[in-house]
Amino acid sequence: MLGIYIRGSAPEAIVDQVTCGDVGIEKAVIVPKPLYPLMLTRLHEFAPSKDYKNPALSRWGAKRALQGFLAGRCSKEFLALYLEKNPGLLDDVSDPGLFLDTVPEVDLAERLHELKLLPEDNRKKFVKAVSTYAIQGDDVYALNDGGIRKLFTDDEFDDMVRQVRTKLLPRLDGVRSDWESNHRSGEPPEEHMQVMLETFDRLKERFEGDEDAIKIIERETRRANEWIGEHTPDEPERSPRKLGKVAGPEKTQSERSIFDDIDADEDPEGE
C-alpha cells in the first residue's frame, strides 16, 4: 500500500508526509529501505512549485522543498544513496547563495557534515563561500549562527572574524553608501535598509566588548537611520472630517414596538 501511495502521489506532497528511514519525526510515514529506489525515482521527478507564477521562483521553491526534505526527513543511509545517484548536489551545497538564513543549502550542508557525508573539499568550499560573504559585507550571518559554526575549524572561524574586523569594518561606511545607492524608486526606504540594519546588529553582537568596532557600527547605524528619515516622504496632512447628523430610520406603519401591546391604562402594579 505504501508503494502504491508513493507511485501515485505528487512528489511535492510526498516530501511533506514521509521520512526515508526513522529520523524521529512524529506521525510521519516511514519509508523502509526496500522502497528507497522508488523514492529516488519520484524525487527525480520533482517539478517546479506551482505556488509561484514566476518560473525562476518556481524552480527555487522546488529546490527549497527538495533540499529541505533531504536535510530534515532523511536518514544517513538514504542520503548516502541519494548522493551516490546525484553527486552534483555536493557542488550546490558547497556554494550557497546569499541570505544564508533562508537558503536551503545551509541546512543541508549542516546535516551532511553532521552525518560525515560532506567531503572535506566541499566543506572547505562552503567555509570559503560564507567567509567571503562576511568579509565583503554581503552577508554576515555566518558570524553568529551556531549551525554554520560547526562546519568551521577554530582557526578558520577565528580567521574569518579577524578579516571582518580588519577589512570590513574600516570600509563599513562605503558598504552602507552602496546599499543606499541601490534603492529603487517606490520601495519604502525602511524596508530597503532592513538587511543593512540587520547586518549592523549582527556585527555589534559579534564585536561586543570591542569599543572601537562598536563605535564604527553605531555610527553607521545612525547614518542609515538618518538616510531612512530623509528619504521617507511626509504623509499629506488631512483636513479634519466633519460629521453630519445622521437621521434615524423612519418608523413605518408595519413596525411595532415590543411595548405596543401593553395597555397604557393598565395598572403598573397589575391590580
C-alpha atoms as a PDB file:
ATOM      1  CA  MET A   1       0.000   0.000   0.000  1.00  0.00           C
ATOM      2  CA  LEU A   2       2.864   2.401   0.767  1.00  0.00           C
ATOM      3  CA  GLY A   3       4.400   1.658  -2.601  1.00  0.00           C
ATOM      4  CA  ILE A   4       1.094   2.457  -4.301  1.00  0.00           C
ATOM      5  CA  TYR A   5       0.915   5.735  -2.399  1.00  0.00           C
ATOM      6  CA  ILE A   6       4.459   6.740  -3.392  1.00  0.00           C
ATOM      7  CA  ARG A   7       3.836   5.882  -7.040  1.00  0.00           C
ATOM      8  CA  GLY A   8       0.513   7.677  -7.214  1.00  0.00           C
ATOM      9  CA  SER A   9       1.200  10.867  -5.268  1.00  0.00           C
ATOM     10  CA  ALA A  10       2.892  14.035  -6.436  1.00  0.00           C
ATOM     11  CA  PRO A  11       6.490  14.310  -5.142  1.00  0.00           C
ATOM     12  CA  GLU A  12       5.779  17.690  -3.534  1.00  0.00           C
ATOM     13  CA  ALA A  13       3.047  16.023  -1.458  1.00  0.00           C
ATOM     14  CA  ILE A  14       5.174  13.017  -0.541  1.00  0.00           C
ATOM     15  CA  VAL A  15       8.017  15.085   0.947  1.00  0.00           C
ATOM     16  CA  ASP A  16       5.628  16.664   3.438  1.00  0.00           C
ATOM     17  CA  GLN A  17       4.303  13.354   4.729  1.00  0.00           C
ATOM     18  CA  VAL A  18       7.051  10.727   4.725  1.00  0.00           C
ATOM     19  CA  THR A  19      10.561  10.198   6.043  1.00  0.00           C
ATOM     20  CA  CYS A  20      13.161   7.965   4.450  1.00  0.00           C
ATOM     21  CA  GLY A  21      14.112   5.914   7.455  1.00  0.00           C
ATOM     22  CA  ASP A  22      13.202   6.729  11.041  1.00  0.00           C
ATOM     23  CA  VAL A  23      14.524  10.208  11.874  1.00  0.00           C
ATOM     24  CA  GLY A  24      12.319  10.766  14.908  1.00  0.00           C
ATOM     25  CA  ILE A  25       9.526  12.824  13.335  1.00  0.00           C
ATOM     26  CA  GLU A  26       6.207  12.021  14.969  1.00  0.00           C
ATOM     27  CA  LYS A  27       3.238  10.940  12.829  1.00  0.00           C
ATOM     28  CA  ALA A  28       5.406  10.742   9.705  1.00  0.00           C
ATOM     29  CA  VAL A  29       5.052   7.735   7.392  1.00  0.00           C
ATOM     30  CA  ILE A  30       8.399   5.941   7.435  1.00  0.00           C
ATOM     31  CA  VAL A  31       9.594   4.683   4.061  1.00  0.00           C
ATOM     32  CA  PRO A  32      11.598   1.459   4.588  1.00  0.00           C
ATOM     33  CA  LYS A  33      14.853   0.591   2.837  1.00  0.00           C
ATOM     34  CA  PRO A  34      13.281  -1.657   0.151  1.00  0.00           C
ATOM     35  CA  LEU A  35      11.341   1.379  -1.160  1.00  0.00           C
ATOM     36  CA  TYR A  36      14.357   3.705  -1.314  1.00  0.00           C
ATOM     37  CA  PRO A  37      14.882   3.139  -5.070  1.00  0.00           C
ATOM     38  CA  LEU A  38      11.258   4.113  -5.702  1.00  0.00           C
ATOM     39  CA  MET A  39      11.695   7.273  -3.604  1.00  0.00           C
ATOM     40  CA  LEU A  40      14.800   8.195  -5.599  1.00  0.00           C
ATOM     41  CA  THR A  41      12.793   7.888  -8.809  1.00  0.00           C
ATOM     42  CA  ARG A  42       9.957  10.058  -7.507  1.00  0.00           C
ATOM     43  CA  LEU A  43      12.307  12.720  -6.115  1.00  0.00           C
ATOM     44  CA  HIS A  44      13.973  12.882  -9.516  1.00  0.00           C
ATOM     45  CA  GLU A  45      10.561  13.872 -10.907  1.00  0.00           C
ATOM     46  CA  PHE A  46      10.258  16.812  -8.526  1.00  0.00           C
ATOM     47  CA  ALA A  47       8.592  19.589 -10.537  1.00  0.00           C
ATOM     48  CA  PRO A  48       8.842  23.368 -10.075  1.00  0.00           C
ATOM     49  CA  SER A  49       6.492  24.621  -7.404  1.00  0.00           C
ATOM     50  CA  LYS A  50       3.065  25.777  -8.553  1.00  0.00           C
ATOM     51  CA  ASP A  51       2.925  28.269  -5.694  1.00  0.00           C
ATOM     52  CA  TYR A  52       4.835  30.844  -7.765  1.00  0.00           C
ATOM     53  CA  LYS A  53       3.902  32.421 -11.088  1.00  0.00           C
ATOM     54  CA  ASN A  54       7.499  33.418 -11.852  1.00  0.00           C
ATOM     55  CA  PRO A  55       9.429  30.469 -13.407  1.00  0.00           C
ATOM     56  CA  ALA A  56      12.626  31.310 -11.525  1.00  0.00           C
ATOM     57  CA  LEU A  57      10.771  31.416  -8.220  1.00  0.00           C
ATOM     58  CA  SER A  58       9.035  28.155  -9.104  1.00  0.00           C
ATOM     59  CA  ARG A  59      12.378  26.432  -9.581  1.00  0.00           C
ATOM     60  CA  TRP A  60      13.652  27.963  -6.345  1.00  0.00           C
ATOM     61  CA  GLY A  61      10.562  26.743  -4.491  1.00  0.00           C
ATOM     62  CA  ALA A  62      11.041  23.204  -5.784  1.00  0.00           C
ATOM     63  CA  LYS A  63      14.719  23.244  -4.886  1.00  0.00           C
ATOM     64  CA  ARG A  64      13.962  24.549  -1.421  1.00  0.00           C
ATOM     65  CA  ALA A  65      11.343  21.868  -0.788  1.00  0.00           C
ATOM     66  CA  LEU A  66      13.574  19.045  -2.043  1.00  0.00           C
ATOM     67  CA  GLN A  67      16.667  20.130  -0.118  1.00  0.00           C
ATOM     68  CA  GLY A  68      14.562  20.766   2.961  1.00  0.00           C
ATOM     69  CA  PHE A  69      13.306  17.198   2.735  1.00  0.00           C
ATOM     70  CA  LEU A  70      16.829  15.824   2.391  1.00  0.00           C
ATOM     71  CA  ALA A  71      18.066  17.899   5.327  1.00  0.00           C
ATOM     72  CA  GLY A  72      15.251  17.170   7.750  1.00  0.00           C
ATOM     73  CA  ARG A  73      13.475  13.945   6.827  1.00  0.00           C
ATOM     74  CA  CYS A  74      16.115  11.510   5.590  1.00  0.00           C
ATOM     75  CA  SER A  75      18.385   9.019   7.315  1.00  0.00           C
ATOM     76  CA  LYS A  76      22.113   8.805   6.736  1.00  0.00           C
ATOM     77  CA  GLU A  77      21.645   5.634   4.681  1.00  0.00           C
ATOM     78  CA  PHE A  78      19.177   7.273   2.309  1.00  0.00           C
ATOM     79  CA  LEU A  79      21.274  10.441   1.992  1.00  0.00           C
ATOM     80  CA  ALA A  80      24.343   8.384   1.104  1.00  0.00           C
ATOM     81  CA  LEU A  81      22.326   6.616  -1.595  1.00  0.00           C
ATOM     82  CA  TYR A  82      20.928   9.920  -2.881  1.00  0.00           C
ATOM     83  CA  LEU A  83      24.417  11.469  -3.123  1.00  0.00           C
ATOM     84  CA  GLU A  84      25.649   8.399  -4.975  1.00  0.00           C
ATOM     85  CA  LYS A  85      22.946   8.931  -7.599  1.00  0.00           C
ATOM     86  CA  ASN A  86      23.119  12.760  -7.527  1.00  0.00           C
ATOM     87  CA  PRO A  87      26.771  13.768  -6.904  1.00  0.00           C
ATOM     88  CA  GLY A  88      26.133  17.259  -8.270  1.00  0.00           C
ATOM     89  CA  LEU A  89      24.212  18.076  -5.095  1.00  0.00           C
ATOM     90  CA  LEU A  90      27.513  18.465  -3.235  1.00  0.00           C
ATOM     91  CA  ASP A  91      28.529  21.323  -5.535  1.00  0.00           C
ATOM     92  CA  ASP A  92      25.224  23.088  -4.867  1.00  0.00           C
ATOM     93  CA  VAL A  93      25.574  22.661  -1.122  1.00  0.00           C
ATOM     94  CA  SER A  94      29.166  23.901  -1.151  1.00  0.00           C
ATOM     95  CA  ASP A  95      28.238  27.171  -2.847  1.00  0.00           C
ATOM     96  CA  PRO A  96      25.179  28.575  -1.042  1.00  0.00           C
ATOM     97  CA  GLY A  97      23.533  31.745  -2.232  1.00  0.00           C
ATOM     98  CA  LEU A  98      23.170  34.978  -0.300  1.00  0.00           C
ATOM     99  CA  PHE A  99      20.667  35.332   2.552  1.00  0.00           C
ATOM    100  CA  LEU A 100      22.204  32.418   4.404  1.00  0.00           C
ATOM    101  CA  ASP A 101      19.416  32.445   6.976  1.00  0.00           C
ATOM    102  CA  THR A 102      16.909  31.359   4.307  1.00  0.00           C
ATOM    103  CA  VAL A 103      18.698  29.413   1.548  1.00  0.00           C
ATOM    104  CA  PRO A 104      18.163  25.623   1.754  1.00  0.00           C
ATOM    105  CA  GLU A 105      21.795  24.712   1.062  1.00  0.00           C
ATOM    106  CA  VAL A 106      22.854  25.791   4.548  1.00  0.00           C
ATOM    107  CA  ASP A 107      20.635  23.338   6.446  1.00  0.00           C
ATOM    108  CA  LEU A 108      21.605  20.539   4.084  1.00  0.00           C
ATOM    109  CA  ALA A 109      25.321  21.300   4.430  1.00  0.00           C
ATOM    110  CA  GLU A 110      24.958  21.204   8.205  1.00  0.00           C
ATOM    111  CA  ARG A 111      23.111  17.880   8.047  1.00  0.00           C
ATOM    112  CA  LEU A 112      25.625  16.268   5.701  1.00  0.00           C
ATOM    113  CA  HIS A 113      28.515  17.478   7.859  1.00  0.00           C
ATOM    114  CA  GLU A 114      26.828  16.146  10.984  1.00  0.00           C
ATOM    115  CA  LEU A 115      26.478  12.717   9.352  1.00  0.00           C
ATOM    116  CA  LYS A 116      30.060  12.843   7.974  1.00  0.00           C
ATOM    117  CA  LEU A 117      28.744  12.784   4.407  1.00  0.00           C
ATOM    118  CA  LEU A 118      30.221  16.139   3.364  1.00  0.00           C
ATOM    119  CA  PRO A 119      33.663  15.617   1.816  1.00  0.00           C
ATOM    120  CA  GLU A 120      36.467  17.794   3.160  1.00  0.00           C
ATOM    121  CA  ASP A 121      36.935  19.649  -0.125  1.00  0.00           C
ATOM    122  CA  ASN A 122      33.246  20.555  -0.162  1.00  0.00           C
ATOM    123  CA  ARG A 123      33.363  21.630   3.471  1.00  0.00           C
ATOM    124  CA  LYS A 124      36.282  23.951   2.752  1.00  0.00           C
ATOM    125  CA  LYS A 125      34.481  25.365  -0.290  1.00  0.00           C
ATOM    126  CA  PHE A 126      31.427  26.082   1.844  1.00  0.00           C
ATOM    127  CA  VAL A 127      33.549  27.760   4.523  1.00  0.00           C
ATOM    128  CA  LYS A 128      35.299  29.909   1.927  1.00  0.00           C
ATOM    129  CA  ALA A 129      31.991  30.992   0.358  1.00  0.00           C
ATOM    130  CA  VAL A 130      30.307  32.101   3.582  1.00  0.00           C
ATOM    131  CA  SER A 131      33.532  33.705   4.856  1.00  0.00           C
ATOM    132  CA  THR A 132      33.820  35.755   1.672  1.00  0.00           C
ATOM    133  CA  TYR A 133      30.237  36.931   2.071  1.00  0.00           C
ATOM    134  CA  ALA A 134      31.019  38.118   5.597  1.00  0.00           C
ATOM    135  CA  ILE A 135      34.328  39.810   4.794  1.00  0.00           C
ATOM    136  CA  GLN A 136      32.814  41.684   1.849  1.00  0.00           C
ATOM    137  CA  GLY A 137      29.780  42.707   3.887  1.00  0.00           C
ATOM    138  CA  ASP A 138      27.332  40.946   1.570  1.00  0.00           C
ATOM    139  CA  ASP A 139      26.030  38.575   4.257  1.00  0.00           C
ATOM    140  CA  VAL A 140      27.486  38.338   7.783  1.00  0.00           C
ATOM    141  CA  TYR A 141      25.103  35.640   9.024  1.00  0.00           C
ATOM    142  CA  ALA A 142      27.962  33.149   9.432  1.00  0.00           C
ATOM    143  CA  LEU A 143      29.433  35.273  12.231  1.00  0.00           C
ATOM    144  CA  ASN A 144      26.662  34.352  14.668  1.00  0.00           C
ATOM    145  CA  ASP A 145      24.951  31.167  13.511  1.00  0.00           C
ATOM    146  CA  GLY A 146      25.766  28.118  15.602  1.00  0.00           C
ATOM    147  CA  GLY A 147      24.926  25.622  12.874  1.00  0.00           C
ATOM    148  CA  ILE A 148      27.282  27.188  10.346  1.00  0.00           C
ATOM    149  CA  ARG A 149      29.940  27.499  13.042  1.00  0.00           C
ATOM    150  CA  LYS A 150      30.131  23.696  13.270  1.00  0.00           C
ATOM    151  CA  LEU A 151      31.423  23.500   9.705  1.00  0.00           C
ATOM    152  CA  PHE A 152      34.420  25.688  10.600  1.00  0.00           C
ATOM    153  CA  THR A 153      37.567  24.665  12.369  1.00  0.00           C
ATOM    154  CA  ASP A 154      38.562  27.014  15.202  1.00  0.00           C
ATOM    155  CA  ASP A 155      41.357  28.511  13.112  1.00  0.00           C
ATOM    156  CA  GLU A 156      39.073  29.049  10.119  1.00  0.00           C
ATOM    157  CA  PHE A 157      36.445  30.798  12.213  1.00  0.00           C
ATOM    158  CA  ASP A 158      38.944  32.992  14.032  1.00  0.00           C
ATOM    159  CA  ASP A 159      40.449  33.980  10.679  1.00  0.00           C
ATOM    160  CA  MET A 160      37.054  34.971   9.305  1.00  0.00           C
ATOM    161  CA  VAL A 161      36.293  37.109  12.360  1.00  0.00           C
ATOM    162  CA  ARG A 162      39.727  38.746  12.171  1.00  0.00           C
ATOM    163  CA  GLN A 163      39.327  39.614   8.498  1.00  0.00           C
ATOM    164  CA  VAL A 164      35.842  41.044   9.077  1.00  0.00           C
ATOM    165  CA  ARG A 165      37.332  43.230  11.804  1.00  0.00           C
ATOM    166  CA  THR A 166      40.300  44.422   9.739  1.00  0.00           C
ATOM    167  CA  LYS A 167      38.811  44.540   6.234  1.00  0.00           C
ATOM    168  CA  LEU A 168      35.072  45.113   6.546  1.00  0.00           C
ATOM    169  CA  LEU A 169      34.662  47.482   9.478  1.00  0.00           C
ATOM    170  CA  PRO A 170      37.102  50.149   8.162  1.00  0.00           C
ATOM    171  CA  ARG A 171      35.035  50.421   4.974  1.00  0.00           C
ATOM    172  CA  LEU A 172      31.616  49.913   6.517  1.00  0.00           C
ATOM    173  CA  ASP A 173      30.600  53.434   5.505  1.00  0.00           C
ATOM    174  CA  GLY A 174      31.170  52.518   1.851  1.00  0.00           C
ATOM    175  CA  VAL A 175      29.119  49.340   2.197  1.00  0.00           C
ATOM    176  CA  ARG A 176      26.280  51.370   3.681  1.00  0.00           C
ATOM    177  CA  SER A 177      26.520  54.017   0.937  1.00  0.00           C
ATOM    178  CA  ASP A 178      26.474  51.379  -1.788  1.00  0.00           C
ATOM    179  CA  TRP A 179      23.388  49.807  -0.243  1.00  0.00           C
ATOM    180  CA  GLU A 180      21.639  53.182  -0.119  1.00  0.00           C
ATOM    181  CA  SER A 181      22.510  53.918  -3.752  1.00  0.00           C
ATOM    182  CA  ASN A 182      20.758  50.720  -4.833  1.00  0.00           C
ATOM    183  CA  HIS A 183      17.436  51.969  -3.514  1.00  0.00           C
ATOM    184  CA  ARG A 184      14.703  51.610  -6.128  1.00  0.00           C
ATOM    185  CA  SER A 185      12.096  54.271  -6.638  1.00  0.00           C
ATOM    186  CA  GLY A 186       8.858  53.310  -4.945  1.00  0.00           C
ATOM    187  CA  GLU A 187      10.487  50.954  -2.449  1.00  0.00           C
ATOM    188  CA  PRO A 188       9.950  52.056   1.168  1.00  0.00           C
ATOM    189  CA  PRO A 189      13.341  53.284   2.469  1.00  0.00           C
ATOM    190  CA  GLU A 190      12.956  51.480   5.779  1.00  0.00           C
ATOM    191  CA  GLU A 191      12.203  48.226   4.006  1.00  0.00           C
ATOM    192  CA  HIS A 192      15.187  48.680   1.683  1.00  0.00           C
ATOM    193  CA  MET A 193      17.591  49.237   4.591  1.00  0.00           C
ATOM    194  CA  GLN A 194      16.293  46.386   6.736  1.00  0.00           C
ATOM    195  CA  VAL A 195      19.013  43.942   5.653  1.00  0.00           C
ATOM    196  CA  MET A 196      21.713  46.548   6.259  1.00  0.00           C
ATOM    197  CA  LEU A 197      20.402  47.266   9.744  1.00  0.00           C
ATOM    198  CA  GLU A 198      20.312  43.538  10.489  1.00  0.00           C
ATOM    199  CA  THR A 199      23.942  43.361   9.345  1.00  0.00           C
ATOM    200  CA  PHE A 200      24.862  46.083  11.840  1.00  0.00           C
ATOM    201  CA  ASP A 201      23.057  44.217  14.620  1.00  0.00           C
ATOM    202  CA  ARG A 202      24.960  41.020  13.871  1.00  0.00           C
ATOM    203  CA  LEU A 203      28.278  42.838  13.726  1.00  0.00           C
ATOM    204  CA  LYS A 204      27.515  44.534  17.011  1.00  0.00           C
ATOM    205  CA  GLU A 205      26.755  41.180  18.611  1.00  0.00           C
ATOM    206  CA  ARG A 206      29.978  39.617  17.312  1.00  0.00           C
ATOM    207  CA  PHE A 207      32.242  42.504  18.345  1.00  0.00           C
ATOM    208  CA  GLU A 208      30.655  43.221  21.691  1.00  0.00           C
ATOM    209  CA  GLY A 209      33.399  44.473  24.001  1.00  0.00           C
ATOM    210  CA  ASP A 210      35.484  45.947  21.170  1.00  0.00           C
ATOM    211  CA  GLU A 211      34.905  49.668  21.795  1.00  0.00           C
ATOM    212  CA  ASP A 212      36.423  50.863  18.516  1.00  0.00           C
ATOM    213  CA  ALA A 213      34.393  48.376  16.498  1.00  0.00           C
ATOM    214  CA  ILE A 214      31.179  49.284  18.308  1.00  0.00           C
ATOM    215  CA  LYS A 215      31.761  53.000  17.619  1.00  0.00           C
ATOM    216  CA  ILE A 216      32.037  52.305  13.884  1.00  0.00           C
ATOM    217  CA  ILE A 217      28.941  50.103  13.838  1.00  0.00           C
ATOM    218  CA  GLU A 218      26.829  52.540  15.868  1.00  0.00           C
ATOM    219  CA  ARG A 219      27.943  55.441  13.665  1.00  0.00           C
ATOM    220  CA  GLU A 220      26.863  53.631  10.503  1.00  0.00           C
ATOM    221  CA  THR A 221      23.622  52.533  12.137  1.00  0.00           C
ATOM    222  CA  ARG A 222      22.859  56.162  12.976  1.00  0.00           C
ATOM    223  CA  ARG A 223      23.657  57.304   9.437  1.00  0.00           C
ATOM    224  CA  ALA A 224      21.470  54.581   7.962  1.00  0.00           C
ATOM    225  CA  ASN A 225      18.542  55.660  10.120  1.00  0.00           C
ATOM    226  CA  GLU A 226      19.149  59.290   9.136  1.00  0.00           C
ATOM    227  CA  TRP A 227      19.051  58.276   5.468  1.00  0.00           C
ATOM    228  CA  ILE A 228      15.774  56.477   6.055  1.00  0.00           C
ATOM    229  CA  GLY A 229      14.317  59.572   7.680  1.00  0.00           C
ATOM    230  CA  GLU A 230      15.494  61.850   4.861  1.00  0.00           C
ATOM    231  CA  HIS A 231      14.061  59.630   2.125  1.00  0.00           C
ATOM    232  CA  THR A 232      10.764  58.765   3.749  1.00  0.00           C
ATOM    233  CA  PRO A 233       8.084  61.030   2.250  1.00  0.00           C
ATOM    234  CA  ASP A 234       5.957  63.009   4.651  1.00  0.00           C
ATOM    235  CA  GLU A 235       2.363  61.894   4.846  1.00  0.00           C
ATOM    236  CA  PRO A 236      -0.018  64.563   3.462  1.00  0.00           C
ATOM    237  CA  GLU A 237      -1.968  66.438   6.093  1.00  0.00           C
ATOM    238  CA  ARG A 238      -5.624  65.614   6.154  1.00  0.00           C
ATOM    239  CA  SER A 239      -8.272  68.199   6.892  1.00  0.00           C
ATOM    240  CA  PRO A 240     -10.482  67.247   9.812  1.00  0.00           C
ATOM    241  CA  ARG A 241     -13.530  65.357   8.732  1.00  0.00           C
ATOM    242  CA  LYS A 242     -16.876  66.942   9.521  1.00  0.00           C
ATOM    243  CA  LEU A 243     -19.518  64.542  10.555  1.00  0.00           C
ATOM    244  CA  GLY A 244     -23.090  65.424   9.688  1.00  0.00           C
ATOM    245  CA  LYS A 245     -26.132  64.432  11.625  1.00  0.00           C
ATOM    246  CA  VAL A 246     -27.430  61.073  10.614  1.00  0.00           C
ATOM    247  CA  ALA A 247     -31.174  60.806  10.763  1.00  0.00           C
ATOM    248  CA  GLY A 248     -32.546  57.612  12.153  1.00  0.00           C
ATOM    249  CA  PRO A 249     -34.823  55.497  10.000  1.00  0.00           C
ATOM    250  CA  GLU A 250     -38.406  56.497   9.967  1.00  0.00           C
ATOM    251  CA  LYS A 251     -40.727  54.122  11.687  1.00  0.00           C
ATOM    252  CA  THR A 252     -43.104  52.537   9.232  1.00  0.00           C
ATOM    253  CA  GLN A 253     -46.622  51.516   9.998  1.00  0.00           C
ATOM    254  CA  SER A 254     -45.630  47.901   9.831  1.00  0.00           C
ATOM    255  CA  GLU A 255     -43.017  48.321  12.544  1.00  0.00           C
ATOM    256  CA  ARG A 256     -44.286  47.844  16.076  1.00  0.00           C
ATOM    257  CA  SER A 257     -42.541  48.326  19.384  1.00  0.00           C
ATOM    258  CA  ILE A 258     -42.349  45.491  21.873  1.00  0.00           C
ATOM    259  CA  PHE A 259     -44.315  47.794  24.179  1.00  0.00           C
ATOM    260  CA  ASP A 260     -47.158  48.393  21.713  1.00  0.00           C
ATOM    261  CA  ASP A 261     -49.187  45.547  23.187  1.00  0.00           C
ATOM    262  CA  ILE A 262     -49.079  46.999  26.681  1.00  0.00           C
ATOM    263  CA  ASP A 263     -52.249  48.882  27.609  1.00  0.00           C
ATOM    264  CA  ALA A 264     -51.247  52.430  28.519  1.00  0.00           C
ATOM    265  CA  ASP A 265     -54.107  52.475  31.113  1.00  0.00           C
ATOM    266  CA  GLU A 266     -53.061  49.176  32.686  1.00  0.00           C
ATOM    267  CA  ASP A 267     -52.168  49.428  36.337  1.00  0.00           C
ATOM    268  CA  PRO A 268     -48.344  49.099  36.561  1.00  0.00           C
ATOM    269  CA  GLU A 269     -48.800  47.122  39.807  1.00  0.00           C
ATOM    270  CA  GLY A 270     -51.031  44.643  37.975  1.00  0.00           C
ATOM    271  CA  GLU A 271     -54.086  45.447  40.092  1.00  0.00           C
END
